[in-house]
Every structure is written in C-alpha cells, then in structure tokens.
Amino acid sequence: LIITMLYSNNLIPTLSVSEKGKLEQITQESDTFRVIAHDGSLLGIETPQFTTNASSTLVYKSTLYAPEGLILDVTYLWENYDKKLHTWAQVKEEATTTQINQTREQLVRSIYNPLIPGLWRVSTLLNNKQVMGRTKFEVR
C-alpha cells in the first residue's frame, strides 16, 4: 500500500513498470470473425499495415509488468498523423485503472473503430503521463 501511494504521487519513479503492446485487427466475414495480429516489428523498422472496412475493428492489447498489487492509471492515446501540419492529432483518449495481479502482469485493452486511411499510433501512458509504450501502424 505504501509503495502504491509513493508511485501514485510520483515520489518514486516508475522504472519497474514496463509495457508490451500488440495490435489485432478483427474483421467479421459473414458468420465468422478473422483476427490478424501484429506483435511489433524487428527493431521498430517496419510499420505494420492494416486494410480496414466497415466491419473492421482494431484492438490494442497492452501487457503491463509491474510489482504485485500496484494500482496504475493507464491512458491510451489514438493519434492520426496530419500530413499538412506535420504533427500528430489526437483522435481518442481512453483512460482506465488497473491493479497488477500476483503474476506481476496485467492485460489491458483499448478498441477503436472506424479508422481512416493514413499513419496512426497508439501510446500507453501511466499515472504521471509518462509514455510507457508506443506502436505506430498504417491503415489502408
């Protein structure tokens, strides 16, 4: 409880917290659902590409690794790159609170649909808005 209070008040850094993200595209085809998953690219060089339509949904799954019992405020930012302004425009912000279980990891999900074609990214931020992970992808 004391450690949670120290983390929550930013009195100790969140160095012991890490995140691994994964994108999944779920598409309905008649009575079945098809899932295309992307666990990240080698050294972040390759940008994953997804082709979406009206029946597609992208799910960002974030596995958080941290000390047991730690309560984290997690925010996901979905952003689209504006080519004219050369900047990232925030499209959706989704916040949730989660408690790390005894396995010292917790799976959290963020869902967004519909996506317009272009370059996108999902950022995972913790209590103090510290970026823990960021996944970039392209929608066609």
C-alpha atoms as a PDB file:
ATOM      1  CA  LEU A   1       0.000   0.000   0.000  1.00  0.00           C
ATOM      2  CA  ILE A   2       2.839   2.395   0.840  1.00  0.00           C
ATOM      3  CA  ILE A   3       4.609   1.644  -2.457  1.00  0.00           C
ATOM      4  CA  THR A   4       1.366   2.277  -4.365  1.00  0.00           C
ATOM      5  CA  MET A   5       0.985   5.658  -2.658  1.00  0.00           C
ATOM      6  CA  LEU A   6       4.577   6.595  -3.493  1.00  0.00           C
ATOM      7  CA  TYR A   7       4.097   5.618  -7.172  1.00  0.00           C
ATOM      8  CA  SER A   8       0.737   7.393  -7.423  1.00  0.00           C
ATOM      9  CA  ASN A   9       2.180  10.626  -6.039  1.00  0.00           C
ATOM     10  CA  ASN A  10       5.244  10.415  -8.310  1.00  0.00           C
ATOM     11  CA  LEU A  11       7.567  10.270  -5.284  1.00  0.00           C
ATOM     12  CA  ILE A  12       9.430   7.299  -6.757  1.00  0.00           C
ATOM     13  CA  PRO A  13       9.949   6.705 -10.494  1.00  0.00           C
ATOM     14  CA  THR A  14       8.028   4.039 -12.393  1.00  0.00           C
ATOM     15  CA  LEU A  15      11.206   2.385 -13.641  1.00  0.00           C
ATOM     16  CA  SER A  16       9.976  -1.036 -12.517  1.00  0.00           C
ATOM     17  CA  VAL A  17       6.930  -0.821 -14.803  1.00  0.00           C
ATOM     18  CA  SER A  18       7.189  -1.966 -18.412  1.00  0.00           C
ATOM     19  CA  GLU A  19       4.724  -2.482 -21.246  1.00  0.00           C
ATOM     20  CA  LYS A  20       4.485  -4.715 -24.305  1.00  0.00           C
ATOM     21  CA  GLY A  21       1.864  -3.797 -26.894  1.00  0.00           C
ATOM     22  CA  LYS A  22       0.165  -5.819 -29.610  1.00  0.00           C
ATOM     23  CA  LEU A  23      -2.278  -4.753 -32.349  1.00  0.00           C
ATOM     24  CA  GLU A  24      -5.055  -7.016 -33.584  1.00  0.00           C
ATOM     25  CA  GLN A  25      -7.483  -6.383 -36.427  1.00  0.00           C
ATOM     26  CA  ILE A  26     -10.828  -8.143 -36.070  1.00  0.00           C
ATOM     27  CA  THR A  27     -12.982  -8.428 -39.189  1.00  0.00           C
ATOM     28  CA  GLN A  28     -16.371 -10.093 -39.492  1.00  0.00           C
ATOM     29  CA  GLU A  29     -16.873 -12.202 -42.622  1.00  0.00           C
ATOM     30  CA  SER A  30     -20.478 -13.486 -42.725  1.00  0.00           C
ATOM     31  CA  ASP A  31     -20.804 -15.689 -39.596  1.00  0.00           C
ATOM     32  CA  THR A  32     -17.103 -15.859 -38.719  1.00  0.00           C
ATOM     33  CA  PHE A  33     -14.531 -13.456 -37.318  1.00  0.00           C
ATOM     34  CA  ARG A  34     -10.971 -13.200 -38.625  1.00  0.00           C
ATOM     35  CA  VAL A  35      -8.119 -11.891 -36.462  1.00  0.00           C
ATOM     36  CA  ILE A  36      -4.841 -10.515 -37.831  1.00  0.00           C
ATOM     37  CA  ALA A  37      -2.282  -9.898 -35.091  1.00  0.00           C
ATOM     38  CA  HIS A  38       0.919  -7.877 -35.083  1.00  0.00           C
ATOM     39  CA  ASP A  39       3.335  -8.160 -32.140  1.00  0.00           C
ATOM     40  CA  GLY A  40       5.645  -5.371 -33.260  1.00  0.00           C
ATOM     41  CA  SER A  41       8.355  -5.228 -35.886  1.00  0.00           C
ATOM     42  CA  LEU A  42      12.008  -6.079 -35.674  1.00  0.00           C
ATOM     43  CA  LEU A  43      13.785  -3.078 -34.145  1.00  0.00           C
ATOM     44  CA  GLY A  44      10.746  -0.915 -34.977  1.00  0.00           C
ATOM     45  CA  ILE A  45      11.915  -0.502 -38.586  1.00  0.00           C
ATOM     46  CA  GLU A  46       8.834  -1.935 -40.288  1.00  0.00           C
ATOM     47  CA  THR A  47       5.439  -0.233 -39.907  1.00  0.00           C
ATOM     48  CA  PRO A  48       2.574  -2.768 -39.764  1.00  0.00           C
ATOM     49  CA  GLN A  49      -0.187  -2.219 -42.314  1.00  0.00           C
ATOM     50  CA  PHE A  50      -3.886  -2.975 -41.949  1.00  0.00           C
ATOM     51  CA  THR A  51      -6.634  -2.738 -44.552  1.00  0.00           C
ATOM     52  CA  THR A  52      -9.895  -1.786 -42.862  1.00  0.00           C
ATOM     53  CA  ASN A  53     -13.532  -1.694 -43.869  1.00  0.00           C
ATOM     54  CA  ALA A  54     -16.854  -1.045 -42.125  1.00  0.00           C
ATOM     55  CA  SER A  55     -16.713  -4.402 -40.322  1.00  0.00           C
ATOM     56  CA  SER A  56     -13.135  -3.952 -39.045  1.00  0.00           C
ATOM     57  CA  THR A  57     -12.048  -3.043 -35.546  1.00  0.00           C
ATOM     58  CA  LEU A  58      -8.513  -2.539 -34.243  1.00  0.00           C
ATOM     59  CA  VAL A  59      -7.716  -3.683 -30.717  1.00  0.00           C
ATOM     60  CA  TYR A  60      -4.563  -2.605 -28.895  1.00  0.00           C
ATOM     61  CA  LYS A  61      -3.620  -5.113 -26.191  1.00  0.00           C
ATOM     62  CA  SER A  62      -1.168  -3.871 -23.632  1.00  0.00           C
ATOM     63  CA  THR A  63       0.532  -6.185 -21.141  1.00  0.00           C
ATOM     64  CA  LEU A  64       1.830  -4.238 -18.140  1.00  0.00           C
ATOM     65  CA  TYR A  65       4.593  -5.730 -15.999  1.00  0.00           C
ATOM     66  CA  ALA A  66       4.953  -4.248 -12.503  1.00  0.00           C
ATOM     67  CA  PRO A  67       5.197  -5.115  -8.804  1.00  0.00           C
ATOM     68  CA  GLU A  68       2.222  -7.088  -7.435  1.00  0.00           C
ATOM     69  CA  GLY A  69      -0.629  -5.009  -6.031  1.00  0.00           C
ATOM     70  CA  LEU A  70       0.418  -1.799  -7.766  1.00  0.00           C
ATOM     71  CA  ILE A  71      -2.585   0.243  -8.931  1.00  0.00           C
ATOM     72  CA  LEU A  72      -1.958   2.062 -12.207  1.00  0.00           C
ATOM     73  CA  ASP A  73      -3.932   4.701 -14.067  1.00  0.00           C
ATOM     74  CA  VAL A  74      -3.412   3.813 -17.730  1.00  0.00           C
ATOM     75  CA  THR A  75      -4.314   6.103 -20.629  1.00  0.00           C
ATOM     76  CA  TYR A  76      -4.325   5.143 -24.304  1.00  0.00           C
ATOM     77  CA  LEU A  77      -3.982   7.844 -26.939  1.00  0.00           C
ATOM     78  CA  TRP A  78      -5.020   7.026 -30.505  1.00  0.00           C
ATOM     79  CA  GLU A  79      -3.437   9.567 -32.871  1.00  0.00           C
ATOM     80  CA  ASN A  80      -3.521  10.158 -36.615  1.00  0.00           C
ATOM     81  CA  TYR A  81      -0.655  11.861 -38.461  1.00  0.00           C
ATOM     82  CA  ASP A  82      -1.703  15.085 -40.212  1.00  0.00           C
ATOM     83  CA  LYS A  83       0.471  15.342 -43.339  1.00  0.00           C
ATOM     84  CA  LYS A  84      -0.402  19.002 -43.938  1.00  0.00           C
ATOM     85  CA  LEU A  85       0.543  20.171 -40.439  1.00  0.00           C
ATOM     86  CA  HIS A  86       3.296  17.550 -39.957  1.00  0.00           C
ATOM     87  CA  THR A  87       2.002  16.719 -36.487  1.00  0.00           C
ATOM     88  CA  TRP A  88       0.093  14.017 -34.608  1.00  0.00           C
ATOM     89  CA  ALA A  89      -3.597  14.794 -33.961  1.00  0.00           C
ATOM     90  CA  GLN A  90      -5.255  13.113 -31.001  1.00  0.00           C
ATOM     91  CA  VAL A  91      -8.401  11.259 -32.084  1.00  0.00           C
ATOM     92  CA  LYS A  92      -9.315   9.271 -28.971  1.00  0.00           C
ATOM     93  CA  GLU A  93      -8.222   9.159 -25.342  1.00  0.00           C
ATOM     94  CA  GLU A  94      -9.240   6.191 -23.216  1.00  0.00           C
ATOM     95  CA  ALA A  95      -8.392   6.002 -19.507  1.00  0.00           C
ATOM     96  CA  THR A  96      -8.672   3.034 -17.153  1.00  0.00           C
ATOM     97  CA  THR A  97      -7.407   1.977 -13.742  1.00  0.00           C
ATOM     98  CA  THR A  98      -5.943  -1.491 -13.224  1.00  0.00           C
ATOM     99  CA  GLN A  99      -4.321  -3.387 -10.372  1.00  0.00           C
ATOM    100  CA  ILE A 100      -1.376  -5.666 -11.068  1.00  0.00           C
ATOM    101  CA  ASN A 101      -2.175  -9.254 -10.019  1.00  0.00           C
ATOM    102  CA  GLN A 102       0.084 -11.831  -8.345  1.00  0.00           C
ATOM    103  CA  THR A 103       1.657 -12.861 -11.666  1.00  0.00           C
ATOM    104  CA  ARG A 104       3.071  -9.306 -11.813  1.00  0.00           C
ATOM    105  CA  GLU A 105       1.408  -8.632 -15.161  1.00  0.00           C
ATOM    106  CA  GLN A 106      -1.941  -7.298 -16.309  1.00  0.00           C
ATOM    107  CA  LEU A 107      -3.570  -7.243 -19.753  1.00  0.00           C
ATOM    108  CA  VAL A 108      -5.431  -4.049 -20.668  1.00  0.00           C
ATOM    109  CA  ARG A 109      -7.274  -3.414 -23.960  1.00  0.00           C
ATOM    110  CA  SER A 110      -8.193  -0.355 -25.983  1.00  0.00           C
ATOM    111  CA  ILE A 111     -10.529  -0.560 -29.000  1.00  0.00           C
ATOM    112  CA  TYR A 112     -11.022   1.922 -31.820  1.00  0.00           C
ATOM    113  CA  ASN A 113     -13.232   1.897 -34.896  1.00  0.00           C
ATOM    114  CA  PRO A 114     -13.552   3.287 -37.527  1.00  0.00           C
ATOM    115  CA  LEU A 115     -10.072   4.239 -38.654  1.00  0.00           C
ATOM    116  CA  ILE A 116      -9.425   6.427 -41.660  1.00  0.00           C
ATOM    117  CA  PRO A 117      -6.529   5.620 -44.012  1.00  0.00           C
ATOM    118  CA  GLY A 118      -3.161   7.031 -43.012  1.00  0.00           C
ATOM    119  CA  LEU A 119      -0.421   6.763 -40.423  1.00  0.00           C
ATOM    120  CA  TRP A 120      -1.567   6.055 -36.845  1.00  0.00           C
ATOM    121  CA  ARG A 121      -0.083   5.412 -33.441  1.00  0.00           C
ATOM    122  CA  VAL A 122      -1.308   4.229 -30.038  1.00  0.00           C
ATOM    123  CA  SER A 123       0.551   5.473 -26.962  1.00  0.00           C
ATOM    124  CA  THR A 124       0.350   3.913 -23.488  1.00  0.00           C
ATOM    125  CA  LEU A 125       0.743   6.460 -20.683  1.00  0.00           C
ATOM    126  CA  LEU A 126       0.906   5.873 -16.927  1.00  0.00           C
ATOM    127  CA  ASN A 127      -0.205   7.881 -13.861  1.00  0.00           C
ATOM    128  CA  ASN A 128       2.032  10.861 -14.494  1.00  0.00           C
ATOM    129  CA  LYS A 129       1.504  10.807 -18.270  1.00  0.00           C
ATOM    130  CA  GLN A 130       4.841   9.023 -18.707  1.00  0.00           C
ATOM    131  CA  VAL A 131       4.914   7.248 -22.097  1.00  0.00           C
ATOM    132  CA  MET A 132       5.477   3.533 -21.453  1.00  0.00           C
ATOM    133  CA  GLY A 133       4.918   2.292 -24.977  1.00  0.00           C
ATOM    134  CA  ARG A 134       4.040   3.471 -28.452  1.00  0.00           C
ATOM    135  CA  THR A 135       3.025   1.449 -31.504  1.00  0.00           C
ATOM    136  CA  LYS A 136       2.882   3.009 -34.955  1.00  0.00           C
ATOM    137  CA  PHE A 137       0.879   1.481 -37.818  1.00  0.00           C
ATOM    138  CA  GLU A 138      -0.619   2.341 -41.199  1.00  0.00           C
ATOM    139  CA  VAL A 139      -4.242   1.947 -42.278  1.00  0.00           C
ATOM    140  CA  ARG A 140      -5.039   1.486 -45.947  1.00  0.00           C
END
